[in-house]
Amino acid sequence: MQRRTFLYGGMGALAACSQPATEDSTTTRSQERHSWRMVTSWPPNFPGHGVSANRLARRIEQLSGGRIEIQIFAAGELVPAFEVLDAVSRGTIQLGHSAPIYWRGKLPAAQVFGSIPFGMLADEFNAWIYHGGGMELWREAYGAQNVVPFLAGQTGPQMGGWFNREINSANDLVGLKMRIPGLGGEVMQRAGVLPVNLPGSEIYTALQTGAIDATEWVGPYNDLAFGLHEAASYYYYPGWQEPSGALELLVSAEAYASLSEELQAIIATACMAEADFVFAEFNTRNNQALKALVEEHGVDLRRFPDDVLATLKRYSTEVMEELAASDPLIARVYASYTAFAEDIATWMTASRGAHIEARDV
């Protein structure tokens, strides 16, 4: 379906509201009620992700005037963190709040919508989704799972991770056990790392007990909340593996089809509002938390050496090219993504990049 149906379909519905309504149509709208359940991949009330899921549910309830009621279940309360997509796909759950990077095994194309290593930053990614054909491809990819996805948040650039050994060269990565999912995990595996996929609730204990040697999670805001600085010695940047971090609302296709156009538009509008709000929140909270980690907790903040980043970038290119060659849909998504990234680079260099350089003179 066209983007206007999913994202801007509300324009027609809102225009219709300004016209005199018949008694029957008014009654039908006022009587429409939906009692839905939302499962998430996050611990209860987890800063950023979990709180965003809660806030999004409340936005939808409020904008719909209570016609959509949502009961929220954190990871493990109803389904495990990594089974959110399955639950929504089966139609037993109407809504899911998660991240595309978790569906590598179930839906390989989803990884591209999560983040591509050394790829576009959040504002570039959002431009691709809304104005570069990304949303149409996202809907096509998830359609096979009977799910309608919405961009519902952005973490922005993430951090490279916490390590219990210094990373001075690419050789220091060899033999590490690291919690790192998605495409970043595959890249690290080629660099000699043993990637481990753990839900957020298990990361601290695994790092503290030595079950893993390193982990990436999100960024300072979430990492501080988990106390990861208490379990590792070194904090590295940049987060090459996730230059942006999309959060998604998954809607059962059957449940979505049961809604009026007005309520469908309300879900789209609520997701767009939350995506913008949470991106601003992450930028603000990450800055505050990074200062606290360094100034109050004495965290050893380090930049990955250039040769390490060069090695990881080379492996990233290999991984993406092989992934695109493995599936026609992934090939189309990746081609769209890379073409947009190359095209928008001209403006990004002349605008954001130039302004950052100018203000640092």
Protein backbone atom coordinates (compact mmCIF):
# COMPACT_ATOMS: atom_id res chain seq x y z
CA MET A 1 0.00 0.00 0.00
CA GLN A 2 1.15 3.53 -0.58
CA ARG A 3 2.84 5.56 2.14
CA ARG A 4 -0.08 7.95 2.32
CA THR A 5 -2.37 5.09 3.35
CA PHE A 6 -0.30 4.20 6.39
CA LEU A 7 1.34 7.46 7.39
CA TYR A 8 -0.86 10.22 6.19
CA GLY A 9 -4.14 8.46 5.73
CA GLY A 10 -5.41 10.50 8.64
CA MET A 11 -5.60 13.59 6.45
CA GLY A 12 -8.62 12.23 4.64
CA ALA A 13 -10.22 11.06 7.86
CA LEU A 14 -9.69 14.40 9.55
CA ALA A 15 -11.13 16.23 6.55
CA ALA A 16 -14.14 13.97 6.69
CA CYS A 17 -14.64 14.90 10.34
CA SER A 18 -15.21 18.51 9.27
CA GLN A 19 -18.16 17.49 7.11
CA PRO A 20 -21.66 16.95 8.52
CA ALA A 21 -21.87 13.32 9.60
CA THR A 22 -24.91 11.18 9.44
CA GLU A 23 -26.31 9.83 12.66
CA ASP A 24 -25.33 6.29 11.63
CA SER A 25 -21.67 7.14 10.90
CA THR A 26 -21.30 9.12 14.11
CA THR A 27 -22.78 6.30 16.13
CA THR A 28 -20.51 3.75 14.45
CA ARG A 29 -17.38 5.77 15.26
CA SER A 30 -18.40 6.38 18.86
CA GLN A 31 -19.21 2.72 19.47
CA GLU A 32 -16.00 1.34 17.95
CA ARG A 33 -14.00 -0.25 20.79
CA HIS A 34 -10.84 -2.36 20.77
CA SER A 35 -9.18 -3.99 23.76
CA TRP A 36 -5.62 -4.86 22.77
CA ARG A 37 -2.50 -6.28 24.37
CA MET A 38 1.06 -5.06 23.76
CA VAL A 39 4.14 -7.20 24.45
CA THR A 40 7.62 -5.68 24.52
CA SER A 41 11.24 -6.77 24.37
CA TRP A 42 12.15 -4.58 27.35
CA PRO A 43 12.29 -4.99 31.12
CA PRO A 44 9.42 -3.29 33.00
CA ASN A 45 9.63 0.51 32.79
CA PHE A 46 13.13 0.30 31.32
CA PRO A 47 14.49 3.84 30.70
CA GLY A 48 14.10 4.89 27.11
CA HIS A 49 12.76 1.78 25.39
CA GLY A 50 10.30 0.51 28.00
CA VAL A 51 9.10 3.93 29.03
CA SER A 52 8.63 4.81 25.36
CA ALA A 53 6.45 1.72 24.85
CA ASN A 54 4.30 2.75 27.81
CA ARG A 55 4.03 6.33 26.59
CA LEU A 56 3.13 5.23 23.06
CA ALA A 57 0.32 3.05 24.37
CA ARG A 58 -1.04 5.99 26.37
CA ARG A 59 -0.79 8.28 23.32
CA ILE A 60 -2.87 5.88 21.27
CA GLU A 61 -5.46 5.55 24.03
CA GLN A 62 -5.72 9.30 24.48
CA LEU A 63 -5.84 10.20 20.79
CA SER A 64 -8.48 7.55 20.19
CA GLY A 65 -10.60 8.82 23.05
CA GLY A 66 -10.37 5.44 24.73
CA ARG A 67 -11.60 3.53 21.69
CA ILE A 68 -8.31 1.58 21.69
CA GLU A 69 -7.39 0.29 25.14
CA ILE A 70 -3.93 -1.25 25.52
CA GLN A 71 -2.65 -3.56 28.25
CA ILE A 72 1.16 -3.66 28.32
CA PHE A 73 3.36 -6.65 29.15
CA ALA A 74 7.12 -6.32 29.61
CA ALA A 75 9.58 -8.93 28.34
CA GLY A 76 8.92 -12.30 29.94
CA GLU A 77 5.57 -11.35 31.46
CA LEU A 78 3.58 -12.86 28.61
CA VAL A 79 6.15 -13.79 25.96
CA PRO A 80 9.99 -13.79 25.98
CA ALA A 81 11.82 -10.73 24.68
CA PHE A 82 12.82 -12.36 21.41
CA GLU A 83 9.39 -13.83 20.63
CA VAL A 84 7.50 -10.56 20.28
CA LEU A 85 7.40 -10.76 16.49
CA ASP A 86 6.12 -14.33 16.59
CA ALA A 87 3.29 -13.43 18.98
CA VAL A 88 2.10 -10.54 16.82
CA SER A 89 2.55 -12.56 13.63
CA ARG A 90 0.26 -15.30 14.97
CA GLY A 91 -2.38 -12.70 15.78
CA THR A 92 -2.65 -13.82 19.40
CA ILE A 93 -1.24 -10.42 20.42
CA GLN A 94 -2.27 -7.22 18.66
CA LEU A 95 0.80 -5.05 19.35
CA GLY A 96 4.51 -5.50 19.90
CA HIS A 97 7.22 -2.99 20.79
CA SER A 98 10.74 -4.06 19.88
CA ALA A 99 13.69 -3.45 17.53
CA PRO A 100 14.25 -4.83 14.01
CA ILE A 101 17.77 -6.05 14.85
CA TYR A 102 16.30 -8.93 16.87
CA TRP A 103 14.70 -10.71 13.90
CA ARG A 104 17.84 -11.86 12.12
CA GLY A 105 16.81 -15.53 12.19
CA LYS A 106 13.11 -15.04 11.50
CA LEU A 107 13.18 -12.16 9.03
CA PRO A 108 16.70 -11.40 7.71
CA ALA A 109 15.61 -8.27 5.82
CA ALA A 110 14.53 -6.68 9.13
CA GLN A 111 18.16 -6.11 10.08
CA VAL A 112 18.52 -3.38 7.47
CA PHE A 113 15.69 -1.43 9.13
CA GLY A 114 17.35 -1.77 12.52
CA SER A 115 20.70 -0.32 11.55
CA ILE A 116 23.54 -1.06 9.16
CA PRO A 117 27.09 -0.93 10.55
CA PHE A 118 28.82 2.26 9.44
CA GLY A 119 25.51 3.28 7.85
CA MET A 120 23.19 6.27 8.07
CA LEU A 121 22.66 8.22 11.25
CA ALA A 122 19.17 8.63 12.68
CA ASP A 123 18.12 11.75 10.80
CA GLU A 124 19.34 10.30 7.51
CA PHE A 125 17.61 7.00 8.24
CA ASN A 126 14.33 8.73 9.10
CA ALA A 127 14.51 10.67 5.85
CA TRP A 128 14.90 7.39 3.94
CA ILE A 129 11.98 5.80 5.79
CA TYR A 130 9.55 8.66 5.22
CA HIS A 131 10.72 10.13 1.92
CA GLY A 132 13.03 7.63 0.24
CA GLY A 133 10.89 4.52 -0.09
CA GLY A 134 12.07 2.85 3.08
CA MET A 135 8.64 2.55 4.67
CA GLU A 136 7.15 0.79 1.67
CA LEU A 137 9.96 -1.77 1.73
CA TRP A 138 9.60 -2.21 5.49
CA ARG A 139 5.92 -2.96 5.10
CA GLU A 140 6.63 -5.38 2.27
CA ALA A 141 9.24 -7.25 4.31
CA TYR A 142 7.02 -7.63 7.37
CA GLY A 143 3.93 -8.37 5.32
CA ALA A 144 5.04 -11.99 5.00
CA GLN A 145 4.74 -12.19 8.79
CA ASN A 146 1.22 -10.71 8.79
CA VAL A 147 2.58 -7.68 10.62
CA VAL A 148 2.33 -3.94 9.90
CA PRO A 149 5.44 -2.13 11.23
CA PHE A 150 5.74 1.52 12.28
CA LEU A 151 8.84 3.51 13.14
CA ALA A 152 8.15 4.27 16.79
CA GLY A 153 11.45 5.56 18.14
CA GLN A 154 15.13 6.27 17.59
CA THR A 155 18.01 5.82 19.99
CA GLY A 156 20.33 7.75 17.72
CA PRO A 157 24.02 6.77 17.58
CA GLN A 158 24.92 4.07 20.06
CA MET A 159 28.16 3.29 21.88
CA GLY A 160 30.75 0.71 20.90
CA GLY A 161 30.41 -1.18 24.15
CA TRP A 162 31.92 -2.20 27.47
CA PHE A 163 35.09 -4.32 27.52
CA ASN A 164 37.09 -6.03 30.22
CA ARG A 165 40.27 -5.73 28.21
CA GLU A 166 41.90 -2.90 26.29
CA ILE A 167 41.32 -2.86 22.54
CA ASN A 168 44.52 -1.47 21.04
CA SER A 169 44.41 -3.41 17.78
CA ALA A 170 42.13 -5.74 15.87
CA ASN A 171 44.05 -8.68 17.37
CA ASP A 172 42.67 -7.79 20.81
CA LEU A 173 39.20 -8.72 19.59
CA VAL A 174 40.16 -12.33 18.88
CA GLY A 175 38.64 -14.76 21.38
CA LEU A 176 36.33 -12.27 23.08
CA LYS A 177 32.87 -13.43 24.10
CA MET A 178 30.66 -10.43 23.45
CA ARG A 179 26.95 -9.79 23.70
CA ILE A 180 26.22 -8.20 20.34
CA PRO A 181 23.18 -9.08 18.20
CA GLY A 182 22.30 -8.51 14.57
CA LEU A 183 24.65 -7.46 11.82
CA GLY A 184 27.18 -6.13 14.31
CA GLY A 185 27.47 -9.60 15.79
CA GLU A 186 28.19 -11.13 12.40
CA VAL A 187 30.86 -8.51 11.72
CA MET A 188 32.47 -9.14 15.10
CA GLN A 189 32.45 -12.88 14.43
CA ARG A 190 34.59 -12.33 11.34
CA ALA A 191 36.98 -10.34 13.49
CA GLY A 192 37.41 -13.35 15.78
CA VAL A 193 34.79 -12.54 18.42
CA LEU A 194 32.28 -15.09 19.71
CA PRO A 195 28.96 -13.16 19.52
CA VAL A 196 26.31 -13.91 22.14
CA ASN A 197 22.68 -12.80 21.94
CA LEU A 198 21.21 -11.97 25.37
CA PRO A 199 18.14 -9.97 26.38
CA GLY A 200 18.86 -6.79 28.29
CA SER A 201 17.86 -8.24 31.66
CA GLU A 202 20.69 -10.80 31.54
CA ILE A 203 23.57 -8.59 30.41
CA TYR A 204 24.84 -7.28 33.76
CA THR A 205 25.08 -10.69 35.40
CA ALA A 206 26.75 -12.26 32.37
CA LEU A 207 29.36 -9.48 32.25
CA GLN A 208 29.94 -9.46 36.00
CA THR A 209 30.40 -13.24 36.26
CA GLY A 210 32.69 -13.48 33.25
CA ALA A 211 30.21 -15.41 31.11
CA ILE A 212 30.92 -12.69 28.53
CA ASP A 213 33.98 -10.44 28.19
CA ALA A 214 32.25 -7.49 26.57
CA THR A 215 28.85 -6.16 25.67
CA GLU A 216 27.17 -3.44 23.71
CA TRP A 217 23.73 -2.36 24.82
CA VAL A 218 22.53 1.05 23.73
CA GLY A 219 24.21 4.17 25.04
CA PRO A 220 25.09 6.00 28.26
CA TYR A 221 21.47 6.55 29.30
CA ASN A 222 20.55 2.87 29.27
CA ASP A 223 24.01 1.58 30.18
CA LEU A 224 24.10 3.66 33.35
CA ALA A 225 20.62 2.41 34.28
CA PHE A 226 21.90 -1.18 34.01
CA GLY A 227 25.02 -0.39 36.06
CA LEU A 228 27.30 -1.77 33.36
CA HIS A 229 30.10 0.52 34.55
CA GLU A 230 30.29 -1.66 37.66
CA ALA A 231 31.00 -4.78 35.61
CA ALA A 232 33.49 -3.63 32.97
CA SER A 233 36.62 -1.50 32.85
CA TYR A 234 36.58 0.21 29.45
CA TYR A 235 33.85 2.06 27.56
CA TYR A 236 34.45 2.41 23.81
CA TYR A 237 33.01 4.61 21.08
CA PRO A 238 31.82 5.12 18.35
CA GLY A 239 28.98 2.64 18.06
CA TRP A 240 29.92 1.63 14.53
CA GLN A 241 27.51 -1.32 14.73
CA GLU A 242 24.43 0.90 15.21
CA PRO A 243 24.82 4.47 13.97
CA SER A 244 21.06 4.67 14.47
CA GLY A 245 18.73 2.45 16.42
CA ALA A 246 15.16 2.15 15.20
CA LEU A 247 12.43 1.11 17.60
CA GLU A 248 9.30 -0.34 16.08
CA LEU A 249 5.63 -0.81 16.82
CA LEU A 250 4.42 -4.10 15.36
CA VAL A 251 0.70 -4.35 14.65
CA SER A 252 -1.09 -7.56 13.78
CA ALA A 253 -2.27 -7.18 10.18
CA GLU A 254 -5.66 -8.63 11.11
CA ALA A 255 -6.07 -6.28 14.05
CA TYR A 256 -4.96 -3.30 11.97
CA ALA A 257 -7.46 -4.15 9.22
CA SER A 258 -10.25 -4.19 11.82
CA LEU A 259 -9.72 -0.50 12.56
CA SER A 260 -11.49 2.39 10.91
CA GLU A 261 -9.32 4.71 8.78
CA GLU A 262 -9.49 7.25 11.58
CA LEU A 263 -8.01 4.86 14.16
CA GLN A 264 -5.38 3.66 11.70
CA ALA A 265 -4.36 7.30 11.24
CA ILE A 266 -4.23 7.76 15.00
CA ILE A 267 -1.77 4.87 15.36
CA ALA A 268 0.43 6.32 12.61
CA THR A 269 0.33 9.79 14.16
CA ALA A 270 1.08 8.49 17.65
CA CYS A 271 4.10 6.57 16.35
CA MET A 272 5.49 9.58 14.50
CA ALA A 273 5.06 11.78 17.57
CA GLU A 274 6.73 9.23 19.85
CA ALA A 275 9.59 8.62 17.42
CA ASP A 276 10.44 12.32 17.43
CA PHE A 277 10.00 12.68 21.19
CA VAL A 278 12.13 9.70 22.18
CA PHE A 279 14.97 10.68 19.81
CA ALA A 280 15.18 14.05 21.54
CA GLU A 281 15.05 12.28 24.90
CA PHE A 282 17.92 9.95 24.04
CA ASN A 283 20.12 12.84 22.92
CA THR A 284 19.44 14.67 26.16
CA ARG A 285 19.75 11.73 28.55
CA ASN A 286 22.79 10.22 26.83
CA ASN A 287 24.66 13.49 27.27
CA GLN A 288 23.77 13.68 30.95
CA ALA A 289 24.60 10.03 31.59
CA LEU A 290 27.93 10.14 29.77
CA LYS A 291 29.04 13.05 31.94
CA ALA A 292 27.97 11.15 35.06
CA LEU A 293 29.81 8.00 33.98
CA VAL A 294 33.05 9.84 33.38
CA GLU A 295 32.96 12.54 36.08
CA GLU A 296 31.21 10.70 38.91
CA HIS A 297 32.04 7.05 38.28
CA GLY A 298 35.50 7.44 36.74
CA VAL A 299 34.72 5.41 33.64
CA ASP A 300 37.65 4.96 31.25
CA LEU A 301 36.15 6.34 28.01
CA ARG A 302 38.10 5.43 24.89
CA ARG A 303 37.81 5.71 21.13
CA PHE A 304 38.34 2.60 19.04
CA PRO A 305 41.73 2.82 17.28
CA ASP A 306 41.54 3.69 13.59
CA ASP A 307 42.88 0.31 12.48
CA VAL A 308 40.17 -1.47 14.47
CA LEU A 309 37.46 0.63 12.84
CA ALA A 310 39.01 0.08 9.41
CA THR A 311 39.02 -3.69 9.97
CA LEU A 312 35.42 -3.72 11.16
CA LYS A 313 34.31 -1.54 8.25
CA ARG A 314 35.91 -3.95 5.78
CA TYR A 315 34.10 -6.90 7.36
CA SER A 316 30.86 -4.89 7.43
CA THR A 317 31.01 -4.36 3.68
CA GLU A 318 31.58 -8.08 3.17
CA VAL A 319 28.66 -9.02 5.41
CA MET A 320 26.23 -6.64 3.70
CA GLU A 321 27.24 -7.65 0.18
CA GLU A 322 26.85 -11.34 1.00
CA LEU A 323 23.53 -10.73 2.73
CA ALA A 324 22.20 -8.80 -0.27
CA ALA A 325 23.31 -11.59 -2.59
CA SER A 326 21.44 -14.16 -0.52
CA ASP A 327 17.91 -12.79 -0.96
CA PRO A 328 16.20 -10.66 -3.63
CA LEU A 329 14.19 -8.66 -1.08
CA ILE A 330 17.27 -7.86 0.99
CA ALA A 331 19.04 -6.86 -2.20
CA ARG A 332 16.29 -4.36 -3.03
CA VAL A 333 16.19 -2.96 0.52
CA TYR A 334 19.98 -2.62 0.69
CA ALA A 335 20.13 -1.02 -2.76
CA SER A 336 17.50 1.53 -1.76
CA TYR A 337 19.28 2.22 1.53
CA THR A 338 22.74 2.69 0.01
CA ALA A 339 21.48 4.78 -2.90
CA PHE A 340 19.70 7.15 -0.51
CA ALA A 341 22.74 7.31 1.79
CA GLU A 342 24.99 8.25 -1.11
CA ASP A 343 22.55 10.83 -2.40
CA ILE A 344 21.88 12.57 0.90
CA ALA A 345 25.59 12.69 1.77
CA THR A 346 25.98 15.88 -0.27
CA TRP A 347 23.48 17.73 1.90
CA MET A 348 24.71 16.18 5.15
CA THR A 349 28.26 17.34 4.41
CA ALA A 350 27.18 20.85 3.47
CA SER A 351 24.79 21.20 6.40
CA ARG A 352 25.33 19.20 9.57
CA GLY A 353 28.97 18.33 8.98
CA ALA A 354 29.92 21.87 7.99
CA HIS A 355 28.09 23.41 10.96
CA ILE A 356 29.83 21.10 13.44
CA GLU A 357 33.20 22.02 11.95
CA ALA A 358 32.37 25.72 11.94
CA ARG A 359 31.27 25.92 15.55
CA ASP A 360 34.42 24.09 16.68
CA VAL A 361 36.75 26.59 14.97
